[in-house]
Amino acid sequence: MNRLLAVVLTVLLACSAYAGGNPDVRAYIDFDPPNYVHAISPELYTTVEAYLCLDSIGEGVTCVSFMMQRPDEACPGVLVGGGYQYFFPNGVILWPPWPSGVTVPSTQCLTADPLVVCLVTGFYVGGSCCLEILDHPDYVRWVCDCSDPVEVDQYCVFAHGSIGGADCPAGDCGTVPVEDFTWSAVKWLYR
């Protein structure tokens, strides 16, 4: 019975990680889309524009879930204020991506690759910091595709945004934490 349960659990976990049409989708901060600029050294007292983008989209996108810190909280003394703007058409957004995360929906299938999801702005007053893409607390890294029925993939973080030469955490694309978790879950069943 334990072996059957282990096989079923392994299949379910593997399928949930790569169930949709966008198994290789990546999220990243780009300061000059679509040019993959992940680091900038802005002039003092200018507005910093950081775009959250997705790429490696195969089946299009109808929603994405993520969270970010407010720019002035993520970068105290470096950025002042913080604004946001979403670029998904006909989506109803009532709150910014902080502090509890946001799911950005679209009423259309979006196929641009790379795809700009939103713009986060702050006023640069000097220093260095990182703008990081964080996990939504309920819908961790969800990207909904355009299939019928809609299927969900999880994006990896390709790059965070470095401002003023900050040393940002590395992205996690190329690592497969789901396999580690799956193997741990299987081993746990045999204890």
N, C-alpha and C. Protein backbone atom coordinates (compact mmCIF):
# COMPACT_ATOMS: atom_id res chain seq x y z
N MET A 1 0.82 -1.20 0.00
CA MET A 1 0.00 0.00 0.00
C MET A 1 0.87 1.27 0.00
N ASN A 2 1.96 1.22 0.80
CA ASN A 2 2.85 2.38 0.84
C ASN A 2 3.47 2.64 -0.53
N ARG A 3 3.81 1.59 -1.26
CA ARG A 3 4.41 1.76 -2.57
C ARG A 3 3.41 2.38 -3.56
N LEU A 4 2.18 1.92 -3.53
CA LEU A 4 1.15 2.49 -4.40
C LEU A 4 0.93 3.96 -4.07
N LEU A 5 0.85 4.27 -2.79
CA LEU A 5 0.67 5.65 -2.36
C LEU A 5 1.87 6.50 -2.80
N ALA A 6 3.07 5.95 -2.70
CA ALA A 6 4.27 6.68 -3.11
C ALA A 6 4.24 6.97 -4.61
N VAL A 7 3.83 6.01 -5.42
CA VAL A 7 3.76 6.21 -6.87
C VAL A 7 2.71 7.27 -7.20
N VAL A 8 1.54 7.19 -6.60
CA VAL A 8 0.47 8.15 -6.86
C VAL A 8 0.91 9.56 -6.45
N LEU A 9 1.54 9.68 -5.27
CA LEU A 9 2.00 10.98 -4.80
C LEU A 9 3.06 11.55 -5.73
N THR A 10 3.98 10.71 -6.19
CA THR A 10 5.02 11.16 -7.10
C THR A 10 4.43 11.67 -8.41
N VAL A 11 3.49 10.94 -8.97
CA VAL A 11 2.85 11.35 -10.22
C VAL A 11 2.08 12.65 -10.04
N LEU A 12 1.33 12.78 -8.95
CA LEU A 12 0.55 14.00 -8.72
C LEU A 12 1.45 15.22 -8.56
N LEU A 13 2.53 15.07 -7.79
CA LEU A 13 3.43 16.19 -7.59
C LEU A 13 4.15 16.57 -8.86
N ALA A 14 4.56 15.60 -9.62
CA ALA A 14 5.25 15.89 -10.88
C ALA A 14 4.31 16.55 -11.87
N CYS A 15 3.07 16.08 -11.94
CA CYS A 15 2.11 16.66 -12.88
C CYS A 15 1.70 18.06 -12.47
N SER A 16 1.57 18.32 -11.17
CA SER A 16 1.16 19.65 -10.75
C SER A 16 2.24 20.68 -11.03
N ALA A 17 3.49 20.27 -11.06
CA ALA A 17 4.56 21.22 -11.32
C ALA A 17 4.63 21.59 -12.79
N TYR A 18 4.31 20.68 -13.68
CA TYR A 18 4.42 20.94 -15.11
C TYR A 18 3.15 20.50 -15.82
N ALA A 19 2.01 21.07 -15.39
CA ALA A 19 0.74 20.62 -15.92
C ALA A 19 0.31 21.39 -17.16
N GLY A 20 0.79 22.61 -17.31
CA GLY A 20 0.28 23.45 -18.38
C GLY A 20 1.17 23.52 -19.60
N GLY A 21 0.86 24.47 -20.46
CA GLY A 21 1.57 24.62 -21.72
C GLY A 21 2.78 25.54 -21.64
N ASN A 22 3.11 26.00 -20.44
CA ASN A 22 4.26 26.89 -20.25
C ASN A 22 5.24 26.33 -19.22
N PRO A 23 5.78 25.15 -19.44
CA PRO A 23 6.61 24.52 -18.40
C PRO A 23 7.92 25.25 -18.14
N ASP A 24 8.39 26.08 -19.07
CA ASP A 24 9.68 26.75 -18.92
C ASP A 24 9.56 28.25 -18.69
N VAL A 25 8.38 28.71 -18.30
CA VAL A 25 8.14 30.14 -18.14
C VAL A 25 9.04 30.71 -17.04
N ARG A 26 9.59 31.93 -17.32
CA ARG A 26 10.49 32.59 -16.39
C ARG A 26 9.96 33.99 -16.07
N ALA A 27 10.13 34.42 -14.83
CA ALA A 27 9.80 35.79 -14.41
C ALA A 27 11.09 36.52 -14.09
N TYR A 28 11.13 37.81 -14.41
CA TYR A 28 12.35 38.58 -14.15
C TYR A 28 12.03 40.06 -14.13
N ILE A 29 12.95 40.83 -13.55
CA ILE A 29 12.86 42.28 -13.57
C ILE A 29 13.70 42.77 -14.75
N ASP A 30 13.13 43.65 -15.55
CA ASP A 30 13.82 44.23 -16.69
C ASP A 30 13.65 45.75 -16.61
N PHE A 31 14.75 46.47 -16.63
CA PHE A 31 14.69 47.93 -16.58
C PHE A 31 14.54 48.56 -17.96
N ASP A 32 14.64 47.75 -19.03
CA ASP A 32 14.51 48.25 -20.39
C ASP A 32 13.98 47.14 -21.30
N PRO A 33 12.70 46.74 -21.09
CA PRO A 33 12.20 45.61 -21.89
C PRO A 33 12.15 45.96 -23.37
N PRO A 34 12.39 45.06 -24.25
CA PRO A 34 12.66 43.62 -24.07
C PRO A 34 14.15 43.29 -24.07
N ASN A 35 14.99 44.16 -23.53
CA ASN A 35 16.44 44.03 -23.66
C ASN A 35 17.12 43.25 -22.54
N TYR A 36 16.37 42.70 -21.58
CA TYR A 36 16.92 41.89 -20.49
C TYR A 36 17.99 42.66 -19.71
N VAL A 37 17.65 43.89 -19.32
CA VAL A 37 18.54 44.70 -18.49
C VAL A 37 18.09 44.49 -17.04
N HIS A 38 18.89 43.75 -16.26
CA HIS A 38 18.51 43.39 -14.89
C HIS A 38 19.21 44.25 -13.84
N ALA A 39 20.09 45.15 -14.27
CA ALA A 39 20.81 46.01 -13.34
C ALA A 39 20.96 47.41 -13.95
N ILE A 40 20.77 48.43 -13.09
CA ILE A 40 20.95 49.81 -13.55
C ILE A 40 21.67 50.61 -12.47
N SER A 41 22.29 51.67 -12.90
CA SER A 41 22.88 52.67 -12.01
C SER A 41 22.28 54.01 -12.42
N PRO A 42 21.13 54.33 -11.85
CA PRO A 42 20.42 55.54 -12.30
C PRO A 42 21.08 56.82 -11.82
N GLU A 43 20.76 57.89 -12.50
CA GLU A 43 21.17 59.22 -12.05
C GLU A 43 20.41 59.55 -10.76
N LEU A 44 21.06 60.34 -9.89
CA LEU A 44 20.39 60.77 -8.66
C LEU A 44 19.12 61.56 -8.98
N TYR A 45 18.13 61.35 -8.16
CA TYR A 45 16.87 62.11 -8.22
C TYR A 45 16.13 61.91 -9.53
N THR A 46 16.12 60.67 -9.99
CA THR A 46 15.34 60.31 -11.17
C THR A 46 14.40 59.17 -10.81
N THR A 47 13.42 58.96 -11.63
CA THR A 47 12.47 57.87 -11.41
C THR A 47 13.02 56.57 -11.98
N VAL A 48 12.99 55.53 -11.16
CA VAL A 48 13.40 54.19 -11.59
C VAL A 48 12.15 53.45 -12.04
N GLU A 49 12.22 52.86 -13.23
CA GLU A 49 11.11 52.07 -13.77
C GLU A 49 11.57 50.63 -13.91
N ALA A 50 10.98 49.76 -13.13
CA ALA A 50 11.31 48.33 -13.16
C ALA A 50 10.09 47.56 -13.65
N TYR A 51 10.26 46.79 -14.70
CA TYR A 51 9.17 46.02 -15.29
C TYR A 51 9.28 44.57 -14.87
N LEU A 52 8.18 44.00 -14.39
CA LEU A 52 8.13 42.57 -14.14
C LEU A 52 7.69 41.92 -15.45
N CYS A 53 8.51 40.99 -15.96
CA CYS A 53 8.26 40.37 -17.26
C CYS A 53 8.23 38.85 -17.15
N LEU A 54 7.61 38.22 -18.13
CA LEU A 54 7.61 36.77 -18.30
C LEU A 54 8.16 36.45 -19.68
N ASP A 55 8.90 35.34 -19.80
CA ASP A 55 9.28 34.86 -21.12
C ASP A 55 9.20 33.33 -21.15
N SER A 56 9.56 32.77 -22.29
CA SER A 56 9.42 31.32 -22.55
C SER A 56 7.97 30.89 -22.42
N ILE A 57 7.11 31.67 -23.05
CA ILE A 57 5.66 31.42 -23.02
C ILE A 57 5.30 30.60 -24.25
N GLY A 58 4.80 29.42 -24.05
CA GLY A 58 4.42 28.57 -25.17
C GLY A 58 2.95 28.66 -25.52
N GLU A 59 2.10 28.54 -24.51
CA GLU A 59 0.65 28.50 -24.71
C GLU A 59 -0.04 29.79 -24.32
N GLY A 60 0.69 30.88 -24.21
CA GLY A 60 0.08 32.14 -23.83
C GLY A 60 -0.20 32.21 -22.34
N VAL A 61 -0.66 33.39 -21.90
CA VAL A 61 -0.89 33.64 -20.47
C VAL A 61 -2.24 34.33 -20.29
N THR A 62 -2.98 33.90 -19.27
CA THR A 62 -4.22 34.58 -18.90
C THR A 62 -4.18 35.13 -17.49
N CYS A 63 -3.23 34.69 -16.65
CA CYS A 63 -3.05 35.29 -15.32
C CYS A 63 -1.69 34.90 -14.78
N VAL A 64 -1.21 35.70 -13.83
CA VAL A 64 0.05 35.42 -13.14
C VAL A 64 -0.10 35.92 -11.70
N SER A 65 0.49 35.17 -10.75
CA SER A 65 0.45 35.54 -9.33
C SER A 65 1.87 35.78 -8.83
N PHE A 66 2.04 36.86 -8.08
CA PHE A 66 3.36 37.18 -7.53
C PHE A 66 3.19 38.15 -6.38
N MET A 67 4.31 38.49 -5.73
CA MET A 67 4.32 39.48 -4.67
C MET A 67 5.64 40.24 -4.76
N MET A 68 5.62 41.49 -4.39
CA MET A 68 6.83 42.31 -4.28
C MET A 68 6.69 43.19 -3.05
N GLN A 69 7.84 43.62 -2.52
CA GLN A 69 7.80 44.61 -1.46
C GLN A 69 7.60 45.98 -2.09
N ARG A 70 7.02 46.91 -1.31
CA ARG A 70 6.94 48.28 -1.78
C ARG A 70 8.35 48.76 -2.05
N PRO A 71 8.59 49.49 -3.12
CA PRO A 71 9.95 49.95 -3.42
C PRO A 71 10.61 50.71 -2.27
N ASP A 72 9.85 51.55 -1.57
CA ASP A 72 10.46 52.31 -0.46
C ASP A 72 10.72 51.43 0.76
N GLU A 73 10.06 50.27 0.88
CA GLU A 73 10.34 49.34 1.96
C GLU A 73 11.43 48.35 1.59
N ALA A 74 11.47 47.94 0.33
CA ALA A 74 12.52 47.02 -0.13
C ALA A 74 13.86 47.75 -0.19
N CYS A 75 13.82 49.04 -0.47
CA CYS A 75 15.03 49.84 -0.66
C CYS A 75 14.96 51.11 0.18
N PRO A 76 14.90 50.98 1.52
CA PRO A 76 14.80 52.21 2.34
C PRO A 76 16.04 53.08 2.17
N GLY A 77 15.82 54.36 2.00
CA GLY A 77 16.91 55.30 1.81
C GLY A 77 17.47 55.30 0.40
N VAL A 78 16.99 54.40 -0.45
CA VAL A 78 17.46 54.31 -1.84
C VAL A 78 16.36 54.77 -2.78
N LEU A 79 15.16 54.24 -2.57
CA LEU A 79 13.99 54.64 -3.36
C LEU A 79 12.96 55.28 -2.43
N VAL A 80 12.32 56.30 -2.92
CA VAL A 80 11.27 56.99 -2.18
C VAL A 80 9.97 56.80 -2.95
N GLY A 81 8.90 56.55 -2.21
CA GLY A 81 7.61 56.35 -2.86
C GLY A 81 7.56 55.04 -3.60
N GLY A 82 6.50 54.82 -4.29
CA GLY A 82 6.36 53.61 -5.07
C GLY A 82 5.02 53.56 -5.76
N GLY A 83 5.07 53.37 -7.04
CA GLY A 83 3.85 53.25 -7.82
C GLY A 83 3.85 51.96 -8.60
N TYR A 84 2.74 51.65 -9.19
CA TYR A 84 2.62 50.43 -9.98
C TYR A 84 1.59 50.66 -11.08
N GLN A 85 1.75 49.87 -12.14
CA GLN A 85 0.80 49.92 -13.26
C GLN A 85 0.82 48.54 -13.91
N TYR A 86 -0.36 47.98 -14.16
CA TYR A 86 -0.47 46.68 -14.80
C TYR A 86 -0.74 46.87 -16.29
N PHE A 87 -0.27 45.90 -17.09
CA PHE A 87 -0.42 46.00 -18.54
C PHE A 87 -1.31 44.92 -19.14
N PHE A 88 -1.96 44.10 -18.32
CA PHE A 88 -2.86 43.08 -18.85
C PHE A 88 -4.17 43.75 -19.24
N PRO A 89 -4.69 43.47 -20.44
CA PRO A 89 -5.92 44.12 -20.87
C PRO A 89 -7.15 43.60 -20.14
N ASN A 90 -8.01 44.55 -19.81
CA ASN A 90 -9.32 44.25 -19.23
C ASN A 90 -9.24 43.52 -17.89
N GLY A 91 -8.07 43.49 -17.28
CA GLY A 91 -7.96 42.87 -15.96
C GLY A 91 -8.46 43.83 -14.90
N VAL A 92 -9.09 43.32 -13.88
CA VAL A 92 -9.57 44.15 -12.79
C VAL A 92 -8.58 44.00 -11.64
N ILE A 93 -7.85 45.05 -11.34
CA ILE A 93 -6.86 45.03 -10.28
C ILE A 93 -7.25 46.10 -9.27
N LEU A 94 -7.41 45.70 -8.04
CA LEU A 94 -7.84 46.64 -7.01
C LEU A 94 -6.76 46.91 -5.97
N TRP A 95 -5.59 46.26 -6.07
CA TRP A 95 -4.56 46.45 -5.07
C TRP A 95 -3.18 46.26 -5.70
N PRO A 96 -2.16 46.84 -5.09
CA PRO A 96 -0.81 46.68 -5.61
C PRO A 96 -0.24 45.31 -5.21
N PRO A 97 0.94 44.95 -5.71
CA PRO A 97 1.49 43.63 -5.44
C PRO A 97 2.03 43.46 -4.02
N TRP A 98 1.86 44.43 -3.17
CA TRP A 98 2.35 44.32 -1.80
C TRP A 98 1.21 44.58 -0.86
N PRO A 99 1.20 44.08 0.40
CA PRO A 99 2.12 43.11 0.97
C PRO A 99 1.62 41.67 0.86
N SER A 100 0.40 41.48 0.37
CA SER A 100 -0.16 40.13 0.39
C SER A 100 -0.15 39.45 -0.98
N GLY A 101 0.48 40.06 -1.96
CA GLY A 101 0.54 39.45 -3.29
C GLY A 101 -0.66 39.83 -4.13
N VAL A 102 -0.56 39.51 -5.41
CA VAL A 102 -1.62 39.87 -6.34
C VAL A 102 -1.68 38.82 -7.45
N THR A 103 -2.86 38.59 -7.96
CA THR A 103 -3.04 37.79 -9.16
C THR A 103 -3.56 38.73 -10.24
N VAL A 104 -2.80 38.83 -11.31
CA VAL A 104 -3.16 39.74 -12.40
C VAL A 104 -3.85 38.92 -13.48
N PRO A 105 -5.15 39.15 -13.70
CA PRO A 105 -5.88 38.40 -14.72
C PRO A 105 -5.98 39.17 -16.04
N SER A 106 -6.29 38.45 -17.08
CA SER A 106 -6.56 39.07 -18.38
C SER A 106 -7.78 38.38 -18.98
N THR A 107 -8.55 39.14 -19.73
CA THR A 107 -9.70 38.55 -20.42
C THR A 107 -9.30 38.05 -21.81
N GLN A 108 -8.03 38.25 -22.18
CA GLN A 108 -7.53 37.80 -23.47
C GLN A 108 -6.34 36.87 -23.26
N CYS A 109 -6.05 36.07 -24.26
CA CYS A 109 -4.86 35.24 -24.25
C CYS A 109 -3.69 36.11 -24.69
N LEU A 110 -2.69 36.26 -23.83
CA LEU A 110 -1.53 37.11 -24.12
C LEU A 110 -0.38 36.23 -24.58
N THR A 111 0.13 36.50 -25.78
CA THR A 111 1.15 35.64 -26.36
C THR A 111 2.47 36.35 -26.63
N ALA A 112 2.58 37.64 -26.33
CA ALA A 112 3.85 38.35 -26.53
C ALA A 112 4.94 37.67 -25.71
N ASP A 113 6.10 37.52 -26.31
CA ASP A 113 7.20 36.87 -25.60
C ASP A 113 8.48 37.64 -25.88
N PRO A 114 8.99 38.42 -24.94
CA PRO A 114 8.59 38.49 -23.54
C PRO A 114 7.33 39.31 -23.32
N LEU A 115 6.69 39.06 -22.20
CA LEU A 115 5.43 39.69 -21.84
C LEU A 115 5.64 40.59 -20.63
N VAL A 116 5.30 41.87 -20.75
CA VAL A 116 5.40 42.80 -19.63
C VAL A 116 4.12 42.67 -18.80
N VAL A 117 4.28 42.35 -17.52
CA VAL A 117 3.14 42.17 -16.62
C VAL A 117 2.81 43.49 -15.93
N CYS A 118 3.81 44.13 -15.33
CA CYS A 118 3.54 45.37 -14.62
C CYS A 118 4.80 46.23 -14.53
N LEU A 119 4.58 47.45 -14.17
CA LEU A 119 5.64 48.44 -13.98
C LEU A 119 5.62 48.87 -12.52
N VAL A 120 6.79 48.84 -11.88
CA VAL A 120 6.94 49.32 -10.51
C VAL A 120 7.90 50.51 -10.56
N THR A 121 7.53 51.61 -9.94
CA THR A 121 8.36 52.82 -9.99
C THR A 121 8.73 53.28 -8.59
N GLY A 122 9.83 53.98 -8.51
CA GLY A 122 10.28 54.61 -7.28
C GLY A 122 11.23 55.74 -7.64
N PHE A 123 11.40 56.69 -6.74
CA PHE A 123 12.27 57.84 -6.98
C PHE A 123 13.62 57.56 -6.34
N TYR A 124 14.69 57.56 -7.14
CA TYR A 124 16.03 57.18 -6.69
C TYR A 124 16.72 58.35 -6.01
N VAL A 125 17.17 58.13 -4.75
CA VAL A 125 17.86 59.17 -3.99
C VAL A 125 19.29 58.78 -3.62
N GLY A 126 19.79 57.65 -4.19
CA GLY A 126 21.17 57.25 -3.96
C GLY A 126 21.27 55.91 -3.24
N GLY A 127 22.41 55.24 -3.41
CA GLY A 127 22.65 53.97 -2.75
C GLY A 127 22.35 52.80 -3.68
N SER A 128 22.26 51.59 -3.07
CA SER A 128 22.01 50.40 -3.87
C SER A 128 21.02 49.48 -3.15
N CYS A 129 20.29 48.71 -3.94
CA CYS A 129 19.32 47.76 -3.38
C CYS A 129 18.84 46.82 -4.48
N CYS A 130 18.07 45.83 -4.07
CA CYS A 130 17.47 44.85 -5.00
C CYS A 130 15.96 44.93 -4.95
N LEU A 131 15.34 44.90 -6.11
CA LEU A 131 13.90 44.69 -6.20
C LEU A 131 13.72 43.21 -6.50
N GLU A 132 13.06 42.49 -5.60
CA GLU A 132 12.93 41.05 -5.73
C GLU A 132 11.50 40.63 -6.04
N ILE A 133 11.39 39.60 -6.86
CA ILE A 133 10.10 38.96 -7.13
C ILE A 133 9.91 37.91 -6.04
N LEU A 134 8.83 38.05 -5.29
CA LEU A 134 8.56 37.15 -4.17
C LEU A 134 7.38 36.24 -4.50
N ASP A 135 7.23 35.20 -3.73
CA ASP A 135 6.14 34.24 -3.94
C ASP A 135 4.83 34.75 -3.36
N HIS A 136 3.76 34.64 -4.13
CA HIS A 136 2.42 34.91 -3.64
C HIS A 136 2.14 33.91 -2.52
N PRO A 137 1.55 34.32 -1.40
CA PRO A 137 1.35 33.39 -0.29
C PRO A 137 0.36 32.26 -0.57
N ASP A 138 -0.56 32.44 -1.48
CA ASP A 138 -1.57 31.41 -1.76
C ASP A 138 -1.37 30.72 -3.10
N TYR A 139 -0.99 31.46 -4.11
CA TYR A 139 -0.85 30.93 -5.47
C TYR A 139 0.61 31.06 -5.90
N VAL A 140 1.45 30.24 -5.33
CA VAL A 140 2.90 30.36 -5.46
C VAL A 140 3.33 30.21 -6.92
N ARG A 141 3.79 31.31 -7.50
CA ARG A 141 4.38 31.36 -8.84
C ARG A 141 3.45 30.86 -9.94
N TRP A 142 2.16 31.05 -9.79
CA TRP A 142 1.20 30.58 -10.78
C TRP A 142 1.25 31.39 -12.06
N VAL A 143 1.22 30.67 -13.18
CA VAL A 143 1.02 31.26 -14.50
C VAL A 143 -0.05 30.41 -15.18
N CYS A 144 -1.19 31.01 -15.49
CA CYS A 144 -2.29 30.28 -16.15
C CYS A 144 -2.11 30.41 -17.66
N ASP A 145 -2.26 29.30 -18.37
CA ASP A 145 -2.11 29.35 -19.82
C ASP A 145 -3.46 29.59 -20.50
N CYS A 146 -3.49 29.52 -21.83
CA CYS A 146 -4.69 29.83 -22.60
C CYS A 146 -5.45 28.59 -23.04
N SER A 147 -5.09 27.44 -22.54
CA SER A 147 -5.78 26.23 -22.97
C SER A 147 -7.18 26.18 -22.37
N ASP A 148 -7.98 25.27 -22.85
CA ASP A 148 -9.34 25.10 -22.36
C ASP A 148 -9.53 23.63 -21.97
N PRO A 149 -9.59 23.30 -20.69
CA PRO A 149 -9.58 24.18 -19.52
C PRO A 149 -8.20 24.76 -19.26
N VAL A 150 -8.18 25.86 -18.52
CA VAL A 150 -6.93 26.54 -18.19
C VAL A 150 -6.06 25.63 -17.32
N GLU A 151 -4.78 25.59 -17.65
CA GLU A 151 -3.84 24.81 -16.85
C GLU A 151 -2.82 25.78 -16.25
N VAL A 152 -2.21 25.36 -15.14
CA VAL A 152 -1.32 26.22 -14.38
C VAL A 152 0.10 25.66 -14.41
N ASP A 153 1.06 26.55 -14.63
CA ASP A 153 2.48 26.23 -14.48
C ASP A 153 3.04 27.14 -13.39
N GLN A 154 4.24 26.83 -12.96
CA GLN A 154 4.93 27.68 -12.00
C GLN A 154 6.16 28.27 -12.68
N TYR A 155 6.29 29.59 -12.61
CA TYR A 155 7.45 30.24 -13.20
C TYR A 155 8.66 30.08 -12.27
N CYS A 156 9.84 30.17 -12.84
CA CYS A 156 11.04 30.30 -12.04
C CYS A 156 11.47 31.76 -12.11
N VAL A 157 12.25 32.20 -11.16
CA VAL A 157 12.74 33.57 -11.16
C VAL A 157 14.08 33.59 -11.88
N PHE A 158 14.11 34.25 -13.04
CA PHE A 158 15.31 34.34 -13.85
C PHE A 158 16.28 35.38 -13.30
N ALA A 159 15.77 36.56 -12.92
CA ALA A 159 16.63 37.62 -12.39
C ALA A 159 15.82 38.63 -11.60
N HIS A 160 16.36 39.04 -10.46
CA HIS A 160 15.80 40.16 -9.70
C HIS A 160 16.42 41.44 -10.27
N GLY A 161 16.00 42.59 -9.79
CA GLY A 161 16.48 43.86 -10.31
C GLY A 161 17.48 44.53 -9.39
N SER A 162 18.69 44.76 -9.88
CA SER A 162 19.75 45.40 -9.11
C SER A 162 19.77 46.89 -9.43
N ILE A 163 19.73 47.71 -8.37
CA ILE A 163 19.77 49.16 -8.53
C ILE A 163 21.02 49.67 -7.84
N GLY A 164 21.81 50.45 -8.56
CA GLY A 164 23.00 51.06 -7.98
C GLY A 164 24.11 50.08 -7.64
N GLY A 165 24.19 48.95 -8.33
CA GLY A 165 25.27 47.99 -8.10
C GLY A 165 25.03 47.00 -6.98
N ALA A 166 23.80 46.85 -6.53
CA ALA A 166 23.50 45.90 -5.45
C ALA A 166 23.75 44.47 -5.89
N ASP A 167 24.18 43.64 -4.96
CA ASP A 167 24.40 42.22 -5.21
C ASP A 167 23.10 41.48 -4.88
N CYS A 168 22.32 41.16 -5.90
CA CYS A 168 21.01 40.53 -5.70
C CYS A 168 21.14 39.01 -5.62
N PRO A 169 20.17 38.35 -4.98
CA PRO A 169 20.18 36.89 -4.97
C PRO A 169 20.07 36.35 -6.40
N ALA A 170 20.69 35.22 -6.63
CA ALA A 170 20.62 34.59 -7.95
C ALA A 170 19.21 34.08 -8.19
N GLY A 171 18.82 34.05 -9.44
CA GLY A 171 17.53 33.45 -9.81
C GLY A 171 17.60 31.95 -9.61
N ASP A 172 16.44 31.31 -9.65
CA ASP A 172 16.41 29.87 -9.42
C ASP A 172 16.06 29.07 -10.67
N CYS A 173 16.09 29.68 -11.84
CA CYS A 173 15.87 28.93 -13.07
C CYS A 173 17.04 27.97 -13.25
N GLY A 174 16.74 26.77 -13.66
CA GLY A 174 17.77 25.76 -13.80
C GLY A 174 17.80 24.81 -12.63
N THR A 175 17.24 25.22 -11.51
CA THR A 175 17.11 24.32 -10.37
C THR A 175 15.71 23.76 -10.38
N VAL A 176 15.53 22.60 -9.84
CA VAL A 176 14.22 21.96 -9.84
C VAL A 176 13.86 21.56 -8.42
N PRO A 177 13.37 22.53 -7.61
CA PRO A 177 13.04 22.21 -6.23
C PRO A 177 11.90 21.20 -6.10
N VAL A 178 11.05 21.10 -7.11
CA VAL A 178 9.95 20.14 -7.04
C VAL A 178 10.47 18.72 -6.97
N GLU A 179 11.53 18.41 -7.72
CA GLU A 179 12.08 17.06 -7.67
C GLU A 179 12.63 16.76 -6.28
N ASP A 180 13.32 17.73 -5.66
CA ASP A 180 13.83 17.52 -4.31
C ASP A 180 12.68 17.22 -3.36
N PHE A 181 11.61 18.01 -3.46
CA PHE A 181 10.46 17.81 -2.58
C PHE A 181 9.82 16.46 -2.86
N THR A 182 9.69 16.10 -4.13
CA THR A 182 9.07 14.83 -4.48
C THR A 182 9.87 13.67 -3.92
N TRP A 183 11.17 13.72 -4.08
CA TRP A 183 12.01 12.64 -3.56
C TRP A 183 11.91 12.58 -2.04
N SER A 184 11.89 13.71 -1.37
CA SER A 184 11.74 13.73 0.09
C SER A 184 10.41 13.14 0.49
N ALA A 185 9.35 13.49 -0.25
CA ALA A 185 8.03 12.96 0.08
C ALA A 185 7.99 11.44 -0.08
N VAL A 186 8.63 10.95 -1.12
CA VAL A 186 8.65 9.50 -1.34
C VAL A 186 9.43 8.81 -0.22
N LYS A 187 10.58 9.37 0.16
CA LYS A 187 11.37 8.77 1.24
C LYS A 187 10.58 8.80 2.55
N TRP A 188 9.83 9.89 2.77
CA TRP A 188 9.05 10.02 3.99
C TRP A 188 8.02 8.89 4.10
N LEU A 189 7.45 8.47 2.99
CA LEU A 189 6.44 7.41 3.02
C LEU A 189 7.01 6.07 3.48
N TYR A 190 8.30 5.87 3.30
CA TYR A 190 8.91 4.61 3.67
C TYR A 190 9.44 4.59 5.10
N ARG A 191 9.30 5.66 5.83
CA ARG A 191 9.77 5.69 7.24
C ARG A 191 8.77 5.08 8.15
